[in-house]
Amino acid sequence: MEDIRHLRSFIYVAEHLNFTKAAEQLYISQSTLSKHIAELEEQLGVQLFVRTHHSVRLTPPGSTLFEESRSLMTKIGEAFERARKSQREVWGTLRIGCMGIEHAFLPRILKHFVSLYPHVKLDIQVMPIPRINEALERQELDIGFNTFIGNEFTSKLEIHRIRRARLCFLLPRNHPYANKYSLDLADLKQERFILMSPTTFPIGIDWFIQQCNQRGFTPNIVSQPARVETLFWQVTAGMGISFWGFDPVFCQMLRHHVSLVAMNGTNAYGNIALVWKRGNPNPIIPLFIKEFDGIKPPRKLH
């Protein structure tokens, strides 16, 4: 690409025979333009221009390069346009399994993906994690989302972690610890806990009970709803406390009803990952995964 930029700079100078006008057309400084020309002359081992205080003219090697390079740049431009066009003309269907908690990042990812690939149909289904994984194994889904807790995650499926956030306790606003910045599980051993159903989030339940056992107590689990909304409602009603990965969208939704307090612990992190079955031949899968490369982490918990 460096050579193409230098050649493009040369063509603009050759067309205008004026470095100032060429630099303006290229939206670069005149010093940068002069550097491009000098580097190109050094690479070719020839002088391309004769410059005086009043004029710029091509040398014989410069004239030869000018004639040849214009058609070359045209072909390069056509090749780039064909590449862009081939991207827009990707066709097919991508079947996506969602957990229903992807509010913080998925809408903007989908918006950008659709703008890049307008002919791709997105079939989005919301279901529990076990069903997502089963459907991926049977290739009834192409790609899905999983959530896991801690620092490691093992699966038979391919994994691409896209989000990591500190876990936090969900406490009713009138709870004695509601204004704390952080707490350890041991501080809450007398509490009633509301946790997601194991059919919806089996890994979360196992991890939480293990962490409690390590601190010398068995949690008093009073409810295990299948839906996230139900869990939030029950915490708001004062039926117990729970935990969740910090998410600015959920924080905005819950801030008037629930207090979020950071959970202490080196592995007290919630993670979201893309998962898919190795060998799935759908060519749209890697295009969708690439959309998550630049995803921004959530803001820190305050």
C-alpha atoms as a PDB file:
ATOM      1  CA  MET A   1       0.000   0.000   0.000  1.00  0.00           C
ATOM      2  CA  GLU A   2       2.973   2.306   0.599  1.00  0.00           C
ATOM      3  CA  ASP A   3       3.984   1.973  -3.082  1.00  0.00           C
ATOM      4  CA  ILE A   4       0.419   2.740  -4.207  1.00  0.00           C
ATOM      5  CA  ARG A   5       0.320   5.920  -2.092  1.00  0.00           C
ATOM      6  CA  HIS A   6       3.650   7.065  -3.523  1.00  0.00           C
ATOM      7  CA  LEU A   7       2.535   6.343  -7.076  1.00  0.00           C
ATOM      8  CA  ARG A   8      -0.725   8.197  -6.507  1.00  0.00           C
ATOM      9  CA  SER A   9       1.222  11.201  -5.207  1.00  0.00           C
ATOM     10  CA  PHE A  10       3.460  11.097  -8.285  1.00  0.00           C
ATOM     11  CA  ILE A  11       0.479  11.040 -10.661  1.00  0.00           C
ATOM     12  CA  TYR A  12      -1.127  14.088  -9.030  1.00  0.00           C
ATOM     13  CA  VAL A  13       2.125  16.071  -9.254  1.00  0.00           C
ATOM     14  CA  ALA A  14       2.632  14.978 -12.870  1.00  0.00           C
ATOM     15  CA  GLU A  15      -0.899  16.045 -13.778  1.00  0.00           C
ATOM     16  CA  HIS A  16      -0.703  19.482 -12.137  1.00  0.00           C
ATOM     17  CA  LEU A  17       3.063  20.072 -12.407  1.00  0.00           C
ATOM     18  CA  ASN A  18       2.557  21.919  -9.152  1.00  0.00           C
ATOM     19  CA  PHE A  19       3.318  20.469  -5.702  1.00  0.00           C
ATOM     20  CA  THR A  20       1.012  22.876  -3.871  1.00  0.00           C
ATOM     21  CA  LYS A  21      -2.067  22.005  -5.976  1.00  0.00           C
ATOM     22  CA  ALA A  22      -1.270  18.280  -5.853  1.00  0.00           C
ATOM     23  CA  ALA A  23      -0.964  18.355  -2.050  1.00  0.00           C
ATOM     24  CA  GLU A  24      -4.317  20.151  -1.792  1.00  0.00           C
ATOM     25  CA  GLN A  25      -5.977  17.547  -4.027  1.00  0.00           C
ATOM     26  CA  LEU A  26      -4.515  14.717  -1.947  1.00  0.00           C
ATOM     27  CA  TYR A  27      -5.364  16.398   1.391  1.00  0.00           C
ATOM     28  CA  ILE A  28      -1.785  16.019   2.620  1.00  0.00           C
ATOM     29  CA  SER A  29       0.929  18.530   3.465  1.00  0.00           C
ATOM     30  CA  GLN A  30       3.404  19.646   0.816  1.00  0.00           C
ATOM     31  CA  SER A  31       6.280  18.268   2.902  1.00  0.00           C
ATOM     32  CA  THR A  32       4.607  14.835   3.013  1.00  0.00           C
ATOM     33  CA  LEU A  33       4.076  14.962  -0.744  1.00  0.00           C
ATOM     34  CA  SER A  34       7.734  15.873  -1.344  1.00  0.00           C
ATOM     35  CA  LYS A  35       8.767  12.992   0.896  1.00  0.00           C
ATOM     36  CA  HIS A  36       6.601  10.554  -1.140  1.00  0.00           C
ATOM     37  CA  ILE A  37       8.256  11.694  -4.383  1.00  0.00           C
ATOM     38  CA  ALA A  38      11.775  11.509  -2.900  1.00  0.00           C
ATOM     39  CA  GLU A  39      11.168   7.984  -1.581  1.00  0.00           C
ATOM     40  CA  LEU A  40       9.779   6.884  -4.956  1.00  0.00           C
ATOM     41  CA  GLU A  41      12.801   8.356  -6.790  1.00  0.00           C
ATOM     42  CA  GLU A  42      15.128   6.572  -4.367  1.00  0.00           C
ATOM     43  CA  GLN A  43      13.296   3.278  -4.833  1.00  0.00           C
ATOM     44  CA  LEU A  44      13.444   3.553  -8.659  1.00  0.00           C
ATOM     45  CA  GLY A  45      16.921   5.036  -8.789  1.00  0.00           C
ATOM     46  CA  VAL A  46      15.867   7.813 -11.182  1.00  0.00           C
ATOM     47  CA  GLN A  47      14.904  11.482 -11.014  1.00  0.00           C
ATOM     48  CA  LEU A  48      11.248  12.021 -11.859  1.00  0.00           C
ATOM     49  CA  PHE A  49      10.937  15.826 -11.771  1.00  0.00           C
ATOM     50  CA  VAL A  50      13.082  18.863 -12.396  1.00  0.00           C
ATOM     51  CA  ARG A  51      12.068  21.587  -9.938  1.00  0.00           C
ATOM     52  CA  THR A  52      13.005  25.261 -10.095  1.00  0.00           C
ATOM     53  CA  HIS A  53      11.673  28.246  -8.183  1.00  0.00           C
ATOM     54  CA  HIS A  54       9.131  28.903 -10.926  1.00  0.00           C
ATOM     55  CA  SER A  55       8.291  25.538 -12.535  1.00  0.00           C
ATOM     56  CA  VAL A  56       8.072  21.755 -12.276  1.00  0.00           C
ATOM     57  CA  ARG A  57       8.605  19.473 -15.275  1.00  0.00           C
ATOM     58  CA  LEU A  58       8.881  15.759 -15.850  1.00  0.00           C
ATOM     59  CA  THR A  59      12.172  14.099 -16.691  1.00  0.00           C
ATOM     60  CA  PRO A  60      12.186  11.444 -19.464  1.00  0.00           C
ATOM     61  CA  PRO A  61      11.924   8.620 -16.850  1.00  0.00           C
ATOM     62  CA  GLY A  62       9.148  10.627 -15.171  1.00  0.00           C
ATOM     63  CA  SER A  63       7.228  10.918 -18.457  1.00  0.00           C
ATOM     64  CA  THR A  64       7.520   7.164 -19.036  1.00  0.00           C
ATOM     65  CA  LEU A  65       6.287   6.377 -15.517  1.00  0.00           C
ATOM     66  CA  PHE A  66       3.422   8.848 -15.881  1.00  0.00           C
ATOM     67  CA  GLU A  67       2.139   7.187 -19.072  1.00  0.00           C
ATOM     68  CA  GLU A  68       2.345   3.697 -17.577  1.00  0.00           C
ATOM     69  CA  SER A  69       1.077   4.484 -14.097  1.00  0.00           C
ATOM     70  CA  ARG A  70      -2.204   6.184 -15.050  1.00  0.00           C
ATOM     71  CA  SER A  71      -3.600   3.003 -16.579  1.00  0.00           C
ATOM     72  CA  LEU A  72      -2.187   0.985 -13.666  1.00  0.00           C
ATOM     73  CA  MET A  73      -3.953   3.168 -11.081  1.00  0.00           C
ATOM     74  CA  THR A  74      -7.180   2.849 -13.033  1.00  0.00           C
ATOM     75  CA  LYS A  75      -6.909  -0.936 -12.875  1.00  0.00           C
ATOM     76  CA  ILE A  76      -6.104  -0.827  -9.162  1.00  0.00           C
ATOM     77  CA  GLY A  77      -9.143   1.369  -8.535  1.00  0.00           C
ATOM     78  CA  GLU A  78     -11.333  -1.056 -10.480  1.00  0.00           C
ATOM     79  CA  ALA A  79      -9.940  -3.983  -8.471  1.00  0.00           C
ATOM     80  CA  PHE A  80     -10.681  -2.203  -5.180  1.00  0.00           C
ATOM     81  CA  GLU A  81     -14.223  -1.435  -6.300  1.00  0.00           C
ATOM     82  CA  ARG A  82     -14.788  -5.054  -7.332  1.00  0.00           C
ATOM     83  CA  ALA A  83     -13.569  -6.145  -3.879  1.00  0.00           C
ATOM     84  CA  ARG A  84     -15.983  -3.748  -2.180  1.00  0.00           C
ATOM     85  CA  LYS A  85     -18.800  -4.843  -4.444  1.00  0.00           C
ATOM     86  CA  SER A  86     -18.149  -8.527  -3.757  1.00  0.00           C
ATOM     87  CA  GLN A  87     -18.524  -7.800  -0.038  1.00  0.00           C
ATOM     88  CA  ARG A  88     -21.875  -6.104  -0.581  1.00  0.00           C
ATOM     89  CA  GLU A  89     -23.050  -9.027  -2.690  1.00  0.00           C
ATOM     90  CA  VAL A  90     -22.615 -11.702  -0.015  1.00  0.00           C
ATOM     91  CA  TRP A  91     -25.849 -13.681   0.112  1.00  0.00           C
ATOM     92  CA  GLY A  92     -27.151 -16.249   2.574  1.00  0.00           C
ATOM     93  CA  THR A  93     -28.589 -16.678   6.052  1.00  0.00           C
ATOM     94  CA  LEU A  94     -26.894 -16.528   9.431  1.00  0.00           C
ATOM     95  CA  ARG A  95     -28.831 -18.204  12.249  1.00  0.00           C
ATOM     96  CA  ILE A  96     -27.920 -16.623  15.593  1.00  0.00           C
ATOM     97  CA  GLY A  97     -28.762 -17.887  19.068  1.00  0.00           C
ATOM     98  CA  CYS A  98     -29.041 -15.135  21.707  1.00  0.00           C
ATOM     99  CA  MET A  99     -29.461 -15.287  25.474  1.00  0.00           C
ATOM    100  CA  GLY A 100     -31.496 -12.066  25.623  1.00  0.00           C
ATOM    101  CA  ILE A 101     -28.884 -10.079  27.575  1.00  0.00           C
ATOM    102  CA  GLU A 102     -26.871  -8.696  24.653  1.00  0.00           C
ATOM    103  CA  HIS A 103     -28.416  -5.204  24.806  1.00  0.00           C
ATOM    104  CA  ALA A 104     -25.150  -3.364  25.452  1.00  0.00           C
ATOM    105  CA  PHE A 105     -23.425  -4.275  22.191  1.00  0.00           C
ATOM    106  CA  LEU A 106     -25.503  -6.365  19.790  1.00  0.00           C
ATOM    107  CA  PRO A 107     -27.830  -3.703  18.279  1.00  0.00           C
ATOM    108  CA  ARG A 108     -24.936  -1.585  16.967  1.00  0.00           C
ATOM    109  CA  ILE A 109     -23.091  -4.688  15.752  1.00  0.00           C
ATOM    110  CA  LEU A 110     -26.169  -5.813  13.812  1.00  0.00           C
ATOM    111  CA  LYS A 111     -26.693  -2.321  12.392  1.00  0.00           C
ATOM    112  CA  HIS A 112     -23.140  -2.178  11.028  1.00  0.00           C
ATOM    113  CA  PHE A 113     -23.220  -5.774   9.773  1.00  0.00           C
ATOM    114  CA  VAL A 114     -26.451  -5.184   7.846  1.00  0.00           C
ATOM    115  CA  SER A 115     -24.988  -2.054   6.247  1.00  0.00           C
ATOM    116  CA  LEU A 116     -21.994  -4.093   5.030  1.00  0.00           C
ATOM    117  CA  TYR A 117     -23.944  -7.153   3.917  1.00  0.00           C
ATOM    118  CA  PRO A 118     -27.475  -6.032   2.996  1.00  0.00           C
ATOM    119  CA  HIS A 119     -28.259  -9.318   1.242  1.00  0.00           C
ATOM    120  CA  VAL A 120     -27.544 -11.483   4.293  1.00  0.00           C
ATOM    121  CA  LYS A 121     -30.639 -12.592   6.212  1.00  0.00           C
ATOM    122  CA  LEU A 122     -30.212 -12.693   9.998  1.00  0.00           C
ATOM    123  CA  ASP A 123     -32.385 -15.281  11.750  1.00  0.00           C
ATOM    124  CA  ILE A 124     -32.146 -14.359  15.457  1.00  0.00           C
ATOM    125  CA  GLN A 125     -33.604 -16.597  18.150  1.00  0.00           C
ATOM    126  CA  VAL A 126     -33.594 -16.085  21.928  1.00  0.00           C
ATOM    127  CA  MET A 127     -33.166 -19.244  23.998  1.00  0.00           C
ATOM    128  CA  PRO A 128     -31.355 -20.613  27.070  1.00  0.00           C
ATOM    129  CA  ILE A 129     -27.638 -21.387  26.778  1.00  0.00           C
ATOM    130  CA  PRO A 130     -28.037 -25.206  26.822  1.00  0.00           C
ATOM    131  CA  ARG A 131     -30.461 -25.018  23.902  1.00  0.00           C
ATOM    132  CA  ILE A 132     -28.118 -22.682  22.010  1.00  0.00           C
ATOM    133  CA  ASN A 133     -25.266 -25.156  22.380  1.00  0.00           C
ATOM    134  CA  GLU A 134     -27.419 -28.126  21.365  1.00  0.00           C
ATOM    135  CA  ALA A 135     -28.655 -26.267  18.279  1.00  0.00           C
ATOM    136  CA  LEU A 136     -25.078 -25.347  17.341  1.00  0.00           C
ATOM    137  CA  GLU A 137     -23.991 -28.989  17.611  1.00  0.00           C
ATOM    138  CA  ARG A 138     -26.848 -30.018  15.315  1.00  0.00           C
ATOM    139  CA  GLN A 139     -26.072 -27.030  13.047  1.00  0.00           C
ATOM    140  CA  GLU A 140     -29.582 -25.714  13.501  1.00  0.00           C
ATOM    141  CA  LEU A 141     -27.803 -22.498  14.506  1.00  0.00           C
ATOM    142  CA  ASP A 142     -24.643 -21.100  12.949  1.00  0.00           C
ATOM    143  CA  ILE A 143     -23.374 -18.981  15.819  1.00  0.00           C
ATOM    144  CA  GLY A 144     -24.482 -18.143  19.321  1.00  0.00           C
ATOM    145  CA  PHE A 145     -23.668 -16.350  22.535  1.00  0.00           C
ATOM    146  CA  ASN A 146     -22.588 -17.954  25.791  1.00  0.00           C
ATOM    147  CA  THR A 147     -21.825 -16.391  29.139  1.00  0.00           C
ATOM    148  CA  PHE A 148     -19.342 -17.780  31.640  1.00  0.00           C
ATOM    149  CA  ILE A 149     -17.939 -16.714  34.977  1.00  0.00           C
ATOM    150  CA  GLY A 150     -14.327 -16.525  36.091  1.00  0.00           C
ATOM    151  CA  ASN A 151     -11.129 -16.531  34.095  1.00  0.00           C
ATOM    152  CA  GLU A 152     -11.383 -19.782  32.137  1.00  0.00           C
ATOM    153  CA  PHE A 153     -14.008 -21.390  29.949  1.00  0.00           C
ATOM    154  CA  THR A 154     -13.914 -24.798  28.299  1.00  0.00           C
ATOM    155  CA  SER A 155     -16.307 -26.017  25.646  1.00  0.00           C
ATOM    156  CA  LYS A 156     -16.520 -28.450  22.761  1.00  0.00           C
ATOM    157  CA  LEU A 157     -17.458 -25.450  20.635  1.00  0.00           C
ATOM    158  CA  GLU A 158     -15.151 -22.814  19.189  1.00  0.00           C
ATOM    159  CA  ILE A 159     -14.954 -19.753  21.461  1.00  0.00           C
ATOM    160  CA  HIS A 160     -14.279 -16.067  20.835  1.00  0.00           C
ATOM    161  CA  ARG A 161     -14.598 -13.976  24.004  1.00  0.00           C
ATOM    162  CA  ILE A 162     -16.036 -10.556  23.249  1.00  0.00           C
ATOM    163  CA  ARG A 163     -16.898  -9.007  26.618  1.00  0.00           C
ATOM    164  CA  ARG A 164     -15.598  -9.114  30.174  1.00  0.00           C
ATOM    165  CA  ALA A 165     -17.066  -7.211  33.113  1.00  0.00           C
ATOM    166  CA  ARG A 166     -16.801  -7.145  36.901  1.00  0.00           C
ATOM    167  CA  LEU A 167     -19.547  -9.077  38.693  1.00  0.00           C
ATOM    168  CA  CYS A 168     -21.715  -7.060  41.025  1.00  0.00           C
ATOM    169  CA  PHE A 169     -24.341  -7.836  43.639  1.00  0.00           C
ATOM    170  CA  LEU A 170     -27.897  -6.688  42.997  1.00  0.00           C
ATOM    171  CA  LEU A 171     -29.355  -5.329  46.238  1.00  0.00           C
ATOM    172  CA  PRO A 172     -32.682  -3.658  46.982  1.00  0.00           C
ATOM    173  CA  ARG A 173     -32.318   0.102  47.442  1.00  0.00           C
ATOM    174  CA  ASN A 174     -33.132  -0.153  51.159  1.00  0.00           C
ATOM    175  CA  HIS A 175     -30.558  -2.878  51.850  1.00  0.00           C
ATOM    176  CA  PRO A 176     -28.002  -2.018  54.612  1.00  0.00           C
ATOM    177  CA  TYR A 177     -25.132  -2.572  52.142  1.00  0.00           C
ATOM    178  CA  ALA A 178     -26.750  -0.711  49.233  1.00  0.00           C
ATOM    179  CA  ASN A 179     -24.248   2.164  49.389  1.00  0.00           C
ATOM    180  CA  LYS A 180     -21.107   0.030  49.648  1.00  0.00           C
ATOM    181  CA  TYR A 181     -18.584   0.144  46.810  1.00  0.00           C
ATOM    182  CA  SER A 182     -17.686  -3.566  47.055  1.00  0.00           C
ATOM    183  CA  LEU A 183     -18.494  -6.672  49.089  1.00  0.00           C
ATOM    184  CA  ASP A 184     -17.237 -10.198  49.543  1.00  0.00           C
ATOM    185  CA  LEU A 185     -19.588 -13.164  49.407  1.00  0.00           C
ATOM    186  CA  ALA A 186     -18.733 -13.922  53.029  1.00  0.00           C
ATOM    187  CA  ASP A 187     -20.356 -10.601  54.011  1.00  0.00           C
ATOM    188  CA  LEU A 188     -23.669 -11.874  52.651  1.00  0.00           C
ATOM    189  CA  LYS A 189     -23.793 -15.432  54.006  1.00  0.00           C
ATOM    190  CA  GLN A 190     -27.002 -14.706  55.956  1.00  0.00           C
ATOM    191  CA  GLU A 191     -28.825 -13.401  52.887  1.00  0.00           C
ATOM    192  CA  ARG A 192     -31.504 -15.011  50.739  1.00  0.00           C
ATOM    193  CA  PHE A 193     -30.289 -15.432  47.170  1.00  0.00           C
ATOM    194  CA  ILE A 194     -32.205 -15.266  43.909  1.00  0.00           C
ATOM    195  CA  LEU A 195     -30.264 -16.995  41.135  1.00  0.00           C
ATOM    196  CA  MET A 196     -30.973 -17.862  37.521  1.00  0.00           C
ATOM    197  CA  SER A 197     -32.471 -21.286  36.866  1.00  0.00           C
ATOM    198  CA  PRO A 198     -29.885 -24.008  36.123  1.00  0.00           C
ATOM    199  CA  THR A 199     -31.786 -24.781  32.918  1.00  0.00           C
ATOM    200  CA  THR A 200     -31.057 -21.224  31.779  1.00  0.00           C
ATOM    201  CA  PHE A 201     -27.602 -20.628  33.255  1.00  0.00           C
ATOM    202  CA  PRO A 202     -26.133 -23.857  34.689  1.00  0.00           C
ATOM    203  CA  ILE A 203     -22.517 -22.669  34.846  1.00  0.00           C
ATOM    204  CA  GLY A 204     -23.475 -19.619  36.910  1.00  0.00           C
ATOM    205  CA  ILE A 205     -25.192 -21.652  39.612  1.00  0.00           C
ATOM    206  CA  ASP A 206     -22.319 -24.111  39.948  1.00  0.00           C
ATOM    207  CA  TRP A 207     -19.743 -21.308  40.140  1.00  0.00           C
ATOM    208  CA  PHE A 208     -21.702 -19.356  42.748  1.00  0.00           C
ATOM    209  CA  ILE A 209     -22.269 -22.330  45.062  1.00  0.00           C
ATOM    210  CA  GLN A 210     -18.602 -23.264  44.780  1.00  0.00           C
ATOM    211  CA  GLN A 211     -17.529 -19.733  45.749  1.00  0.00           C
ATOM    212  CA  CYS A 212     -19.866 -19.788  48.763  1.00  0.00           C
ATOM    213  CA  ASN A 213     -18.577 -23.214  49.860  1.00  0.00           C
ATOM    214  CA  GLN A 214     -15.016 -21.926  49.709  1.00  0.00           C
ATOM    215  CA  ARG A 215     -16.041 -19.247  52.199  1.00  0.00           C
ATOM    216  CA  GLY A 216     -17.561 -21.802  54.554  1.00  0.00           C
ATOM    217  CA  PHE A 217     -21.287 -21.534  53.931  1.00  0.00           C
ATOM    218  CA  THR A 218     -24.077 -22.894  51.769  1.00  0.00           C
ATOM    219  CA  PRO A 219     -26.182 -20.179  50.118  1.00  0.00           C
ATOM    220  CA  ASN A 220     -29.870 -19.920  50.974  1.00  0.00           C
ATOM    221  CA  ILE A 221     -31.361 -19.941  47.467  1.00  0.00           C
ATOM    222  CA  VAL A 222     -35.021 -18.920  47.677  1.00  0.00           C
ATOM    223  CA  SER A 223     -35.849 -18.536  43.984  1.00  0.00           C
ATOM    224  CA  GLN A 224     -34.444 -19.597  40.612  1.00  0.00           C
ATOM    225  CA  PRO A 225     -36.359 -17.799  37.833  1.00  0.00           C
ATOM    226  CA  ALA A 226     -35.878 -18.768  34.212  1.00  0.00           C
ATOM    227  CA  ARG A 227     -35.915 -15.191  32.934  1.00  0.00           C
ATOM    228  CA  VAL A 228     -33.630 -12.271  33.755  1.00  0.00           C
ATOM    229  CA  GLU A 229     -36.544  -9.847  34.055  1.00  0.00           C
ATOM    230  CA  THR A 230     -38.139 -11.973  36.778  1.00  0.00           C
ATOM    231  CA  LEU A 231     -34.877 -11.995  38.734  1.00  0.00           C
ATOM    232  CA  PHE A 232     -34.680  -8.186  38.608  1.00  0.00           C
ATOM    233  CA  TRP A 233     -38.301  -7.814  39.680  1.00  0.00           C
ATOM    234  CA  GLN A 234     -37.816 -10.116  42.666  1.00  0.00           C
ATOM    235  CA  VAL A 235     -34.713  -8.251  43.832  1.00  0.00           C
ATOM    236  CA  THR A 236     -36.549  -4.941  43.472  1.00  0.00           C
ATOM    237  CA  ALA A 237     -39.396  -6.341  45.574  1.00  0.00           C
ATOM    238  CA  GLY A 238     -36.964  -7.212  48.384  1.00  0.00           C
ATOM    239  CA  MET A 239     -37.406 -10.977  48.058  1.00  0.00           C
ATOM    240  CA  GLY A 240     -33.648 -11.533  48.103  1.00  0.00           C
ATOM    241  CA  ILE A 241     -30.385 -10.480  46.489  1.00  0.00           C
ATOM    242  CA  SER A 242     -28.572 -11.676  43.388  1.00  0.00           C
ATOM    243  CA  PHE A 243     -25.517 -10.993  41.240  1.00  0.00           C
ATOM    244  CA  TRP A 244     -24.899  -9.990  37.638  1.00  0.00           C
ATOM    245  CA  GLY A 245     -22.132  -8.827  35.337  1.00  0.00           C
ATOM    246  CA  PHE A 246     -21.855  -5.047  35.276  1.00  0.00           C
ATOM    247  CA  ASP A 247     -23.560  -3.740  32.167  1.00  0.00           C
ATOM    248  CA  PRO A 248     -24.201  -0.032  31.516  1.00  0.00           C
ATOM    249  CA  VAL A 249     -27.517  -0.753  29.801  1.00  0.00           C
ATOM    250  CA  PHE A 250     -28.871  -2.804  32.706  1.00  0.00           C
ATOM    251  CA  CYS A 251     -27.449  -0.249  35.132  1.00  0.00           C
ATOM    252  CA  GLN A 252     -29.458   2.461  33.388  1.00  0.00           C
ATOM    253  CA  MET A 253     -32.588   0.303  33.515  1.00  0.00           C
ATOM    254  CA  LEU A 254     -32.233  -0.627  37.186  1.00  0.00           C
ATOM    255  CA  ARG A 255     -30.627   2.410  38.813  1.00  0.00           C
ATOM    256  CA  HIS A 256     -33.855   3.665  40.422  1.00  0.00           C
ATOM    257  CA  HIS A 257     -34.796   0.258  41.852  1.00  0.00           C
ATOM    258  CA  VAL A 258     -31.644  -1.784  42.521  1.00  0.00           C
ATOM    259  CA  SER A 259     -28.210  -0.958  43.925  1.00  0.00           C
ATOM    260  CA  LEU A 260     -25.176  -2.463  42.156  1.00  0.00           C
ATOM    261  CA  VAL A 261     -22.237  -3.267  44.451  1.00  0.00           C
ATOM    262  CA  ALA A 262     -18.998  -4.737  43.091  1.00  0.00           C
ATOM    263  CA  MET A 263     -18.135  -8.327  44.038  1.00  0.00           C
ATOM    264  CA  ASN A 264     -14.653  -8.884  45.436  1.00  0.00           C
ATOM    265  CA  GLY A 265     -12.470 -11.671  44.034  1.00  0.00           C
ATOM    266  CA  THR A 266      -9.831 -12.185  41.364  1.00  0.00           C
ATOM    267  CA  ASN A 267     -12.195 -14.357  39.324  1.00  0.00           C
ATOM    268  CA  ALA A 268     -15.378 -12.364  39.966  1.00  0.00           C
ATOM    269  CA  TYR A 269     -15.869 -11.523  36.307  1.00  0.00           C
ATOM    270  CA  GLY A 270     -18.664 -12.246  33.892  1.00  0.00           C
ATOM    271  CA  ASN A 271     -17.758 -12.974  30.287  1.00  0.00           C
ATOM    272  CA  ILE A 272     -19.711 -13.183  27.068  1.00  0.00           C
ATOM    273  CA  ALA A 273     -18.369 -15.221  24.166  1.00  0.00           C
ATOM    274  CA  LEU A 274     -19.319 -16.049  20.621  1.00  0.00           C
ATOM    275  CA  VAL A 275     -19.507 -19.808  20.099  1.00  0.00           C
ATOM    276  CA  TRP A 276     -19.844 -21.890  16.954  1.00  0.00           C
ATOM    277  CA  LYS A 277     -19.218 -25.439  15.805  1.00  0.00           C
ATOM    278  CA  ARG A 278     -15.892 -26.086  14.125  1.00  0.00           C
ATOM    279  CA  GLY A 279     -16.440 -27.238  10.575  1.00  0.00           C
ATOM    280  CA  ASN A 280     -19.676 -25.328  10.026  1.00  0.00           C
ATOM    281  CA  PRO A 281     -19.276 -24.369   6.341  1.00  0.00           C
ATOM    282  CA  ASN A 282     -21.358 -21.167   6.470  1.00  0.00           C
ATOM    283  CA  PRO A 283     -18.999 -18.491   5.020  1.00  0.00           C
ATOM    284  CA  ILE A 284     -20.872 -15.721   6.834  1.00  0.00           C
ATOM    285  CA  ILE A 285     -19.678 -16.911  10.271  1.00  0.00           C
ATOM    286  CA  PRO A 286     -16.150 -15.366  10.043  1.00  0.00           C
ATOM    287  CA  LEU A 287     -17.619 -12.133   8.646  1.00  0.00           C
ATOM    288  CA  PHE A 288     -19.896 -11.849  11.688  1.00  0.00           C
ATOM    289  CA  ILE A 289     -17.087 -12.689  14.137  1.00  0.00           C
ATOM    290  CA  LYS A 290     -14.905  -9.966  12.633  1.00  0.00           C
ATOM    291  CA  GLU A 291     -17.514  -7.372  13.624  1.00  0.00           C
ATOM    292  CA  PHE A 292     -16.612  -7.956  17.288  1.00  0.00           C
ATOM    293  CA  ASP A 293     -12.864  -7.327  16.943  1.00  0.00           C
ATOM    294  CA  GLY A 294     -13.108  -3.698  17.950  1.00  0.00           C
ATOM    295  CA  ILE A 295     -15.818  -3.984  20.560  1.00  0.00           C
ATOM    296  CA  LYS A 296     -15.309  -1.618  23.485  1.00  0.00           C
ATOM    297  CA  PRO A 297     -15.394  -2.882  27.090  1.00  0.00           C
ATOM    298  CA  PRO A 298     -18.094  -1.531  29.401  1.00  0.00           C
ATOM    299  CA  ARG A 299     -17.324   1.454  31.564  1.00  0.00           C
ATOM    300  CA  LYS A 300     -15.866   0.772  35.007  1.00  0.00           C
ATOM    301  CA  LEU A 301     -18.251   0.178  37.859  1.00  0.00           C
ATOM    302  CA  HIS A 302     -18.467   3.320  39.998  1.00  0.00           C
END
